[in-house]
Amino acid sequence: MFQGFGDPARMIVGQTGDKKTMDNIRKDLYLDQPKWKQFMLYLNDVSPLCFHTQADIDKKKLNAVITSTQPVVDELKDLLRDRRELLGE
């Protein structure tokens, strides 16, 4: 499915990635699965109705969740202020 674009695992790790790292990335992205299964997983992810098992959901949970109690407008103001400082504007 991704053959026209190169190896996604190689693109992620770059030229210095070792085989074990690339194998782990391929497994996380399900690139070690048959093409038909990759396509079905892709359709499942882009569909408005996704079907995942609880094990799939638990496997992909992030270890750290970033939350804020500030309103979105205030978060954006802070972000833009920081950007201006970095650019020296």
C-alpha atoms as a PDB file:
ATOM      1  CA  MET A   1       0.000   0.000   0.000  1.00  0.00           C
ATOM      2  CA  PHE A   2       2.878   2.388   0.757  1.00  0.00           C
ATOM      3  CA  GLN A   3       5.296   1.055  -1.831  1.00  0.00           C
ATOM      4  CA  GLY A   4       5.004   4.136  -4.026  1.00  0.00           C
ATOM      5  CA  PHE A   5       6.128   6.407  -1.191  1.00  0.00           C
ATOM      6  CA  GLY A   6       9.002   4.399   0.220  1.00  0.00           C
ATOM      7  CA  ASP A   7       9.244   2.596   3.511  1.00  0.00           C
ATOM      8  CA  PRO A   8       7.336   4.524   6.239  1.00  0.00           C
ATOM      9  CA  ALA A   9       9.510   3.007   8.972  1.00  0.00           C
ATOM     10  CA  ARG A  10      12.658   4.206   7.172  1.00  0.00           C
ATOM     11  CA  MET A  11      11.141   7.667   6.778  1.00  0.00           C
ATOM     12  CA  ILE A  12      10.423   7.851  10.506  1.00  0.00           C
ATOM     13  CA  VAL A  13      13.833   6.705  11.774  1.00  0.00           C
ATOM     14  CA  GLY A  14      15.910   8.186   8.971  1.00  0.00           C
ATOM     15  CA  GLN A  15      19.213   6.782   7.788  1.00  0.00           C
ATOM     16  CA  THR A  16      20.526   5.946  11.256  1.00  0.00           C
ATOM     17  CA  GLY A  17      17.714   3.644  12.409  1.00  0.00           C
ATOM     18  CA  ASP A  18      18.596   0.088  13.352  1.00  0.00           C
ATOM     19  CA  LYS A  19      16.645  -3.008  12.355  1.00  0.00           C
ATOM     20  CA  LYS A  20      15.035  -3.535  15.767  1.00  0.00           C
ATOM     21  CA  THR A  21      13.661   0.021  15.847  1.00  0.00           C
ATOM     22  CA  MET A  22      12.321  -0.278  12.316  1.00  0.00           C
ATOM     23  CA  ASP A  23      10.698  -3.633  13.140  1.00  0.00           C
ATOM     24  CA  ASN A  24       8.991  -2.066  16.173  1.00  0.00           C
ATOM     25  CA  ILE A  25       7.692   0.825  14.070  1.00  0.00           C
ATOM     26  CA  ARG A  26       6.412  -1.567  11.415  1.00  0.00           C
ATOM     27  CA  LYS A  27       4.606  -3.535  14.117  1.00  0.00           C
ATOM     28  CA  ASP A  28       3.080  -0.390  15.687  1.00  0.00           C
ATOM     29  CA  LEU A  29       1.867   0.801  12.272  1.00  0.00           C
ATOM     30  CA  TYR A  30       0.662  -2.717  11.343  1.00  0.00           C
ATOM     31  CA  LEU A  31       3.009  -2.773   8.356  1.00  0.00           C
ATOM     32  CA  ASP A  32       3.948  -6.323   9.290  1.00  0.00           C
ATOM     33  CA  GLN A  33       0.402  -7.426   8.393  1.00  0.00           C
ATOM     34  CA  PRO A  34      -0.773  -8.600   4.951  1.00  0.00           C
ATOM     35  CA  LYS A  35      -1.748  -5.838   2.503  1.00  0.00           C
ATOM     36  CA  TRP A  36      -5.463  -6.681   2.681  1.00  0.00           C
ATOM     37  CA  LYS A  37      -5.426  -6.324   6.468  1.00  0.00           C
ATOM     38  CA  GLN A  38      -3.491  -3.037   6.254  1.00  0.00           C
ATOM     39  CA  PHE A  39      -6.151  -1.744   3.880  1.00  0.00           C
ATOM     40  CA  MET A  40      -8.994  -2.858   6.166  1.00  0.00           C
ATOM     41  CA  LEU A  41      -7.306  -1.182   9.145  1.00  0.00           C
ATOM     42  CA  TYR A  42      -6.887   1.978   7.056  1.00  0.00           C
ATOM     43  CA  LEU A  43     -10.577   1.955   6.136  1.00  0.00           C
ATOM     44  CA  ASN A  44     -11.458   1.417   9.784  1.00  0.00           C
ATOM     45  CA  ASP A  45      -9.369   4.440  10.798  1.00  0.00           C
ATOM     46  CA  VAL A  46     -10.761   6.836   8.184  1.00  0.00           C
ATOM     47  CA  SER A  47     -14.351   5.683   8.516  1.00  0.00           C
ATOM     48  CA  PRO A  48     -16.715   7.738  10.682  1.00  0.00           C
ATOM     49  CA  LEU A  49     -17.609   4.434  12.352  1.00  0.00           C
ATOM     50  CA  CYS A  50     -14.500   2.742  13.702  1.00  0.00           C
ATOM     51  CA  PHE A  51     -14.496  -0.665  15.287  1.00  0.00           C
ATOM     52  CA  HIS A  52     -11.687  -1.370  17.744  1.00  0.00           C
ATOM     53  CA  THR A  53     -11.378  -3.957  20.443  1.00  0.00           C
ATOM     54  CA  GLN A  54     -10.701  -2.854  24.006  1.00  0.00           C
ATOM     55  CA  ALA A  55      -7.238  -4.420  23.688  1.00  0.00           C
ATOM     56  CA  ASP A  56      -6.497  -2.197  20.648  1.00  0.00           C
ATOM     57  CA  ILE A  57      -7.630   0.888  22.542  1.00  0.00           C
ATOM     58  CA  ASP A  58      -5.568   0.008  25.622  1.00  0.00           C
ATOM     59  CA  LYS A  59      -2.514  -0.726  23.479  1.00  0.00           C
ATOM     60  CA  LYS A  60      -2.547   2.731  21.869  1.00  0.00           C
ATOM     61  CA  LYS A  61      -3.200   4.764  25.023  1.00  0.00           C
ATOM     62  CA  LEU A  62      -0.706   7.537  25.624  1.00  0.00           C
ATOM     63  CA  ASN A  63       1.310   7.484  28.816  1.00  0.00           C
ATOM     64  CA  ALA A  64       1.027  11.247  29.285  1.00  0.00           C
ATOM     65  CA  VAL A  65      -2.014  13.323  28.580  1.00  0.00           C
ATOM     66  CA  ILE A  66      -1.704  17.079  28.256  1.00  0.00           C
ATOM     67  CA  THR A  67      -4.703  18.894  29.630  1.00  0.00           C
ATOM     68  CA  SER A  68      -5.398  22.489  30.467  1.00  0.00           C
ATOM     69  CA  THR A  69      -8.155  24.253  32.339  1.00  0.00           C
ATOM     70  CA  GLN A  70      -7.611  27.478  30.390  1.00  0.00           C
ATOM     71  CA  PRO A  71     -10.081  28.464  27.682  1.00  0.00           C
ATOM     72  CA  VAL A  72      -8.892  27.723  24.156  1.00  0.00           C
ATOM     73  CA  VAL A  73      -8.676  31.440  23.333  1.00  0.00           C
ATOM     74  CA  ASP A  74      -6.204  31.975  26.180  1.00  0.00           C
ATOM     75  CA  GLU A  75      -4.134  28.989  25.063  1.00  0.00           C
ATOM     76  CA  LEU A  76      -3.950  30.427  21.546  1.00  0.00           C
ATOM     77  CA  LYS A  77      -2.966  33.866  22.866  1.00  0.00           C
ATOM     78  CA  ASP A  78      -0.124  32.290  24.861  1.00  0.00           C
ATOM     79  CA  LEU A  79       0.984  30.323  21.825  1.00  0.00           C
ATOM     80  CA  LEU A  80       1.034  33.401  19.598  1.00  0.00           C
ATOM     81  CA  ARG A  81       2.872  35.441  22.254  1.00  0.00           C
ATOM     82  CA  ASP A  82       5.527  32.730  22.537  1.00  0.00           C
ATOM     83  CA  ARG A  83       5.842  32.586  18.751  1.00  0.00           C
ATOM     84  CA  ARG A  84       6.379  36.351  18.534  1.00  0.00           C
ATOM     85  CA  GLU A  85       9.075  36.131  21.217  1.00  0.00           C
ATOM     86  CA  LEU A  86      10.871  33.367  19.327  1.00  0.00           C
ATOM     87  CA  LEU A  87      10.755  35.283  16.059  1.00  0.00           C
ATOM     88  CA  GLY A  88      11.788  38.523  17.724  1.00  0.00           C
ATOM     89  CA  GLU A  89       8.704  40.376  16.572  1.00  0.00           C
END
